[in-house]
C-alpha atoms as a PDB file:
ATOM      1  CA  UNK A   1     119.680 131.643 127.042  1.00  0.00           C
ATOM      2  CA  UNK A   2     120.145 129.768 123.781  1.00  0.00           C
ATOM      3  CA  UNK A   3     123.593 128.351 123.263  1.00  0.00           C
ATOM      4  CA  UNK A   4     124.980 127.161 119.989  1.00  0.00           C
ATOM      5  CA  UNK A   5     125.587 123.457 119.603  1.00  0.00           C
ATOM      6  CA  UNK A   6     129.007 122.087 118.886  1.00  0.00           C
ATOM      7  CA  UNK A   7     129.653 121.206 115.285  1.00  0.00           C
ATOM      8  CA  UNK A   8     129.438 117.425 114.786  1.00  0.00           C
ATOM      9  CA  UNK A   9     132.419 115.523 113.422  1.00  0.00           C
ATOM     10  CA  UNK A  10     132.686 115.250 109.654  1.00  0.00           C
ATOM     11  CA  UNK A  11     131.626 112.025 107.991  1.00  0.00           C
ATOM     12  CA  UNK A  12     129.077 109.410 108.918  1.00  0.00           C
ATOM     13  CA  UNK A  13     128.059 109.780 112.556  1.00  0.00           C
ATOM     14  CA  UNK A  14     124.744 109.550 114.389  1.00  0.00           C
ATOM     15  CA  UNK A  15     124.021 113.278 114.109  1.00  0.00           C
ATOM     16  CA  UNK A  16     124.510 113.239 110.341  1.00  0.00           C
ATOM     17  CA  UNK A  17     122.449 110.075 109.905  1.00  0.00           C
ATOM     18  CA  UNK A  18     119.593 111.537 111.983  1.00  0.00           C
ATOM     19  CA  UNK A  19     119.806 114.824 110.037  1.00  0.00           C
ATOM     20  CA  UNK A  20     119.461 112.887 106.768  1.00  0.00           C
ATOM     21  CA  UNK A  21     116.663 110.738 108.246  1.00  0.00           C
ATOM     22  CA  UNK A  22     114.705 113.843 109.242  1.00  0.00           C
ATOM     23  CA  UNK A  23     114.798 115.158 105.678  1.00  0.00           C
ATOM     24  CA  UNK A  24     113.924 111.793 104.159  1.00  0.00           C
ATOM     25  CA  UNK A  25     111.096 111.069 106.622  1.00  0.00           C
ATOM     26  CA  UNK A  26     109.572 114.530 106.111  1.00  0.00           C
ATOM     27  CA  UNK A  27     109.562 114.048 102.340  1.00  0.00           C
ATOM     28  CA  UNK A  28     108.284 110.481 102.739  1.00  0.00           C
ATOM     29  CA  UNK A  29     105.324 111.668 104.832  1.00  0.00           C
ATOM     30  CA  UNK A  30     104.319 114.126 102.104  1.00  0.00           C
ATOM     31  CA  UNK A  31     104.686 111.488  99.380  1.00  0.00           C
ATOM     32  CA  UNK A  32     102.757 108.864 101.382  1.00  0.00           C
ATOM     33  CA  UNK A  33      99.972 111.390 102.016  1.00  0.00           C
ATOM     34  CA  UNK A  34      99.779 112.255  98.317  1.00  0.00           C
ATOM     35  CA  UNK A  35      99.722 108.565  97.343  1.00  0.00           C
ATOM     36  CA  UNK A  36      96.972 107.975  99.909  1.00  0.00           C
ATOM     37  CA  UNK A  37      94.846 110.813  98.527  1.00  0.00           C
ATOM     38  CA  UNK A  38      95.275 109.645  94.931  1.00  0.00           C
ATOM     39  CA  UNK A  39      94.486 106.044  95.880  1.00  0.00           C
ATOM     40  CA  UNK A  40      91.388 107.130  97.801  1.00  0.00           C
ATOM     41  CA  UNK A  41      90.214 109.230  94.863  1.00  0.00           C
ATOM     42  CA  UNK A  42      90.764 106.299  92.483  1.00  0.00           C
ATOM     43  CA  UNK A  43      88.716 104.097  94.818  1.00  0.00           C
ATOM     44  CA  UNK A  44      85.782 106.484  94.455  1.00  0.00           C
ATOM     45  CA  UNK A  45      86.280 108.753  97.435  1.00  0.00           C
ATOM     46  CA  UNK A  46      85.333 111.875  95.470  1.00  0.00           C
ATOM     47  CA  UNK A  47      81.804 110.586  95.229  1.00  0.00           C
ATOM     48  CA  UNK A  48      81.649 109.175  98.761  1.00  0.00           C
ATOM     49  CA  UNK A  49      83.590 111.564 101.042  1.00  0.00           C
ATOM     50  CA  UNK A  50      83.901 115.230 101.723  1.00  0.00           C
ATOM     51  CA  UNK A  51      87.368 116.830 101.652  1.00  0.00           C
ATOM     52  CA  UNK A  52      87.869 116.614 105.428  1.00  0.00           C
ATOM     53  CA  UNK A  53      87.148 112.871 105.454  1.00  0.00           C
ATOM     54  CA  UNK A  54      89.451 112.359 102.476  1.00  0.00           C
ATOM     55  CA  UNK A  55      92.339 114.161 104.208  1.00  0.00           C
ATOM     56  CA  UNK A  56      91.734 112.285 107.456  1.00  0.00           C
ATOM     57  CA  UNK A  57      91.630 108.975 105.602  1.00  0.00           C
ATOM     58  CA  UNK A  58      94.751 109.730 103.530  1.00  0.00           C
ATOM     59  CA  UNK A  59      96.947 110.542 106.493  1.00  0.00           C
ATOM     60  CA  UNK A  60      95.546 107.965 108.899  1.00  0.00           C
ATOM     61  CA  UNK A  61      93.607 105.343 106.981  1.00  0.00           C
ATOM     62  CA  UNK A  62      91.366 103.787 109.579  1.00  0.00           C
ATOM     63  CA  UNK A  63      87.925 102.405 108.850  1.00  0.00           C
ATOM     64  CA  UNK A  64      86.379 104.450 111.669  1.00  0.00           C
ATOM     65  CA  UNK A  65      87.245 107.623 109.738  1.00  0.00           C
ATOM     66  CA  UNK A  66      84.826 106.794 106.968  1.00  0.00           C
ATOM     67  CA  UNK A  67      82.022 105.159 108.935  1.00  0.00           C
ATOM     68  CA  UNK A  68      79.869 108.299 108.898  1.00  0.00           C
ATOM     69  CA  UNK A  69      80.397 109.019 105.214  1.00  0.00           C
ATOM     70  CA  UNK A  70      78.329 107.758 102.289  1.00  0.00           C
ATOM     71  CA  UNK A  71      80.463 104.674 101.675  1.00  0.00           C
ATOM     72  CA  UNK A  72      78.058 101.740 101.461  1.00  0.00           C
ATOM     73  CA  UNK A  73      80.392  99.060 102.837  1.00  0.00           C
ATOM     74  CA  UNK A  74      83.558 100.267 104.520  1.00  0.00           C
ATOM     75  CA  UNK A  75      85.051  96.780 104.628  1.00  0.00           C
ATOM     76  CA  UNK A  76      85.135  96.419 100.841  1.00  0.00           C
ATOM     77  CA  UNK A  77      88.295  97.931  99.489  1.00  0.00           C
ATOM     78  CA  UNK A  78      88.913 100.421 102.259  1.00  0.00           C
ATOM     79  CA  UNK A  79      90.290  97.877 104.728  1.00  0.00           C
ATOM     80  CA  UNK A  80      92.999  96.174 102.726  1.00  0.00           C
ATOM     81  CA  UNK A  81      96.689  95.320 102.831  1.00  0.00           C
ATOM     82  CA  UNK A  82      97.453  98.500 100.863  1.00  0.00           C
ATOM     83  CA  UNK A  83      95.873 100.736 103.513  1.00  0.00           C
ATOM     84  CA  UNK A  84      97.524  98.784 106.364  1.00  0.00           C
ATOM     85  CA  UNK A  85     100.927  99.285 104.722  1.00  0.00           C
ATOM     86  CA  UNK A  86     100.195 102.992 104.184  1.00  0.00           C
ATOM     87  CA  UNK A  87      99.139 103.377 107.809  1.00  0.00           C
ATOM     88  CA  UNK A  88     102.226 101.518 109.025  1.00  0.00           C
ATOM     89  CA  UNK A  89     104.521 103.718 106.926  1.00  0.00           C
ATOM     90  CA  UNK A  90     102.854 106.880 108.199  1.00  0.00           C
ATOM     91  CA  UNK A  91     103.222 105.732 111.804  1.00  0.00           C
ATOM     92  CA  UNK A  92     106.849 104.643 111.443  1.00  0.00           C
ATOM     93  CA  UNK A  93     107.968 107.786 109.621  1.00  0.00           C
ATOM     94  CA  UNK A  94     105.787 110.196 111.603  1.00  0.00           C
ATOM     95  CA  UNK A  95     106.605 108.903 115.086  1.00  0.00           C
ATOM     96  CA  UNK A  96     110.310 108.566 114.314  1.00  0.00           C
ATOM     97  CA  UNK A  97     110.425 112.031 112.730  1.00  0.00           C
ATOM     98  CA  UNK A  98     108.642 113.576 115.711  1.00  0.00           C
ATOM     99  CA  UNK A  99     110.728 111.911 118.397  1.00  0.00           C
ATOM    100  CA  UNK A 100     113.952 112.797 116.582  1.00  0.00           C
ATOM    101  CA  UNK A 101     112.789 116.417 116.499  1.00  0.00           C
ATOM    102  CA  UNK A 102     112.059 116.244 120.221  1.00  0.00           C
ATOM    103  CA  UNK A 103     115.579 114.904 120.820  1.00  0.00           C
ATOM    104  CA  UNK A 104     117.121 117.764 118.836  1.00  0.00           C
ATOM    105  CA  UNK A 105     115.116 120.382 120.755  1.00  0.00           C
ATOM    106  CA  UNK A 106     116.126 118.883 124.113  1.00  0.00           C
ATOM    107  CA  UNK A 107     119.767 118.770 123.078  1.00  0.00           C
ATOM    108  CA  UNK A 108     119.606 122.426 122.024  1.00  0.00           C
ATOM    109  CA  UNK A 109     118.444 123.560 125.465  1.00  0.00           C
ATOM    110  CA  UNK A 110     119.945 121.060 127.944  1.00  0.00           C
ATOM    111  CA  UNK A 111     123.511 121.905 128.938  1.00  0.00           C
ATOM    112  CA  UNK A 112     124.360 118.928 131.131  1.00  0.00           C
ATOM    113  CA  UNK A 113     125.753 115.919 129.240  1.00  0.00           C
ATOM    114  CA  UNK A 114     124.354 113.528 131.862  1.00  0.00           C
ATOM    115  CA  UNK A 115     120.828 114.901 131.574  1.00  0.00           C
ATOM    116  CA  UNK A 116     121.061 114.772 127.762  1.00  0.00           C
ATOM    117  CA  UNK A 117     122.014 111.084 127.907  1.00  0.00           C
ATOM    118  CA  UNK A 118     119.172 110.334 130.316  1.00  0.00           C
ATOM    119  CA  UNK A 119     116.726 112.172 128.062  1.00  0.00           C
ATOM    120  CA  UNK A 120     117.966 110.214 125.041  1.00  0.00           C
ATOM    121  CA  UNK A 121     117.178 106.964 126.867  1.00  0.00           C
ATOM    122  CA  UNK A 122     113.750 108.285 127.938  1.00  0.00           C
ATOM    123  CA  UNK A 123     112.960 109.429 124.386  1.00  0.00           C
ATOM    124  CA  UNK A 124     114.057 106.054 122.985  1.00  0.00           C
ATOM    125  CA  UNK A 125     111.860 104.225 125.514  1.00  0.00           C
ATOM    126  CA  UNK A 126     108.879 106.466 124.708  1.00  0.00           C
ATOM    127  CA  UNK A 127     109.478 105.956 120.987  1.00  0.00           C
ATOM    128  CA  UNK A 128     109.404 102.169 121.448  1.00  0.00           C
ATOM    129  CA  UNK A 129     106.218 102.299 123.553  1.00  0.00           C
ATOM    130  CA  UNK A 130     104.403 104.642 121.151  1.00  0.00           C
ATOM    131  CA  UNK A 131     105.471 102.558 118.151  1.00  0.00           C
ATOM    132  CA  UNK A 132     104.249  99.309 119.747  1.00  0.00           C
ATOM    133  CA  UNK A 133     100.921 100.811 120.816  1.00  0.00           C
ATOM    134  CA  UNK A 134     100.317 102.488 117.439  1.00  0.00           C
ATOM    135  CA  UNK A 135     101.110  99.362 115.442  1.00  0.00           C
ATOM    136  CA  UNK A 136      99.007  97.257 117.803  1.00  0.00           C
ATOM    137  CA  UNK A 137      96.068  99.569 117.140  1.00  0.00           C
ATOM    138  CA  UNK A 138      96.609  99.394 113.373  1.00  0.00           C
ATOM    139  CA  UNK A 139      96.713  95.628 113.201  1.00  0.00           C
ATOM    140  CA  UNK A 140      93.937  94.893 115.699  1.00  0.00           C
ATOM    141  CA  UNK A 141      91.335  97.447 114.608  1.00  0.00           C
END
């Protein structure tokens, strides 16, 4: 049975900050994706990639996504500081947005305060591990 959550205190508290973060990170992911698509198109992707490769590249710019396309040399232009920053932003906003959503869903359905606190710690630990692994992959590939 779904129970309604208690109304958070007014003012700046963790629930309000996370609510605002969820809205900002969702909008940021859309903006970063649009910037990635425009940048890829300006770099000549419309002549070198199909739409599926362009979308894949825009939302997770990794050189292995364009290896099988018609790009003559993937390392020229496509592996740059710009794309590393874009990939880092997507990972930070996407992982944080997703784990915050998971926290909200758990808190909606878990009645016990002790279990909710334990799950918060588990979610925080998972968030840290996923963030470290994802950023390690970005900067070593």
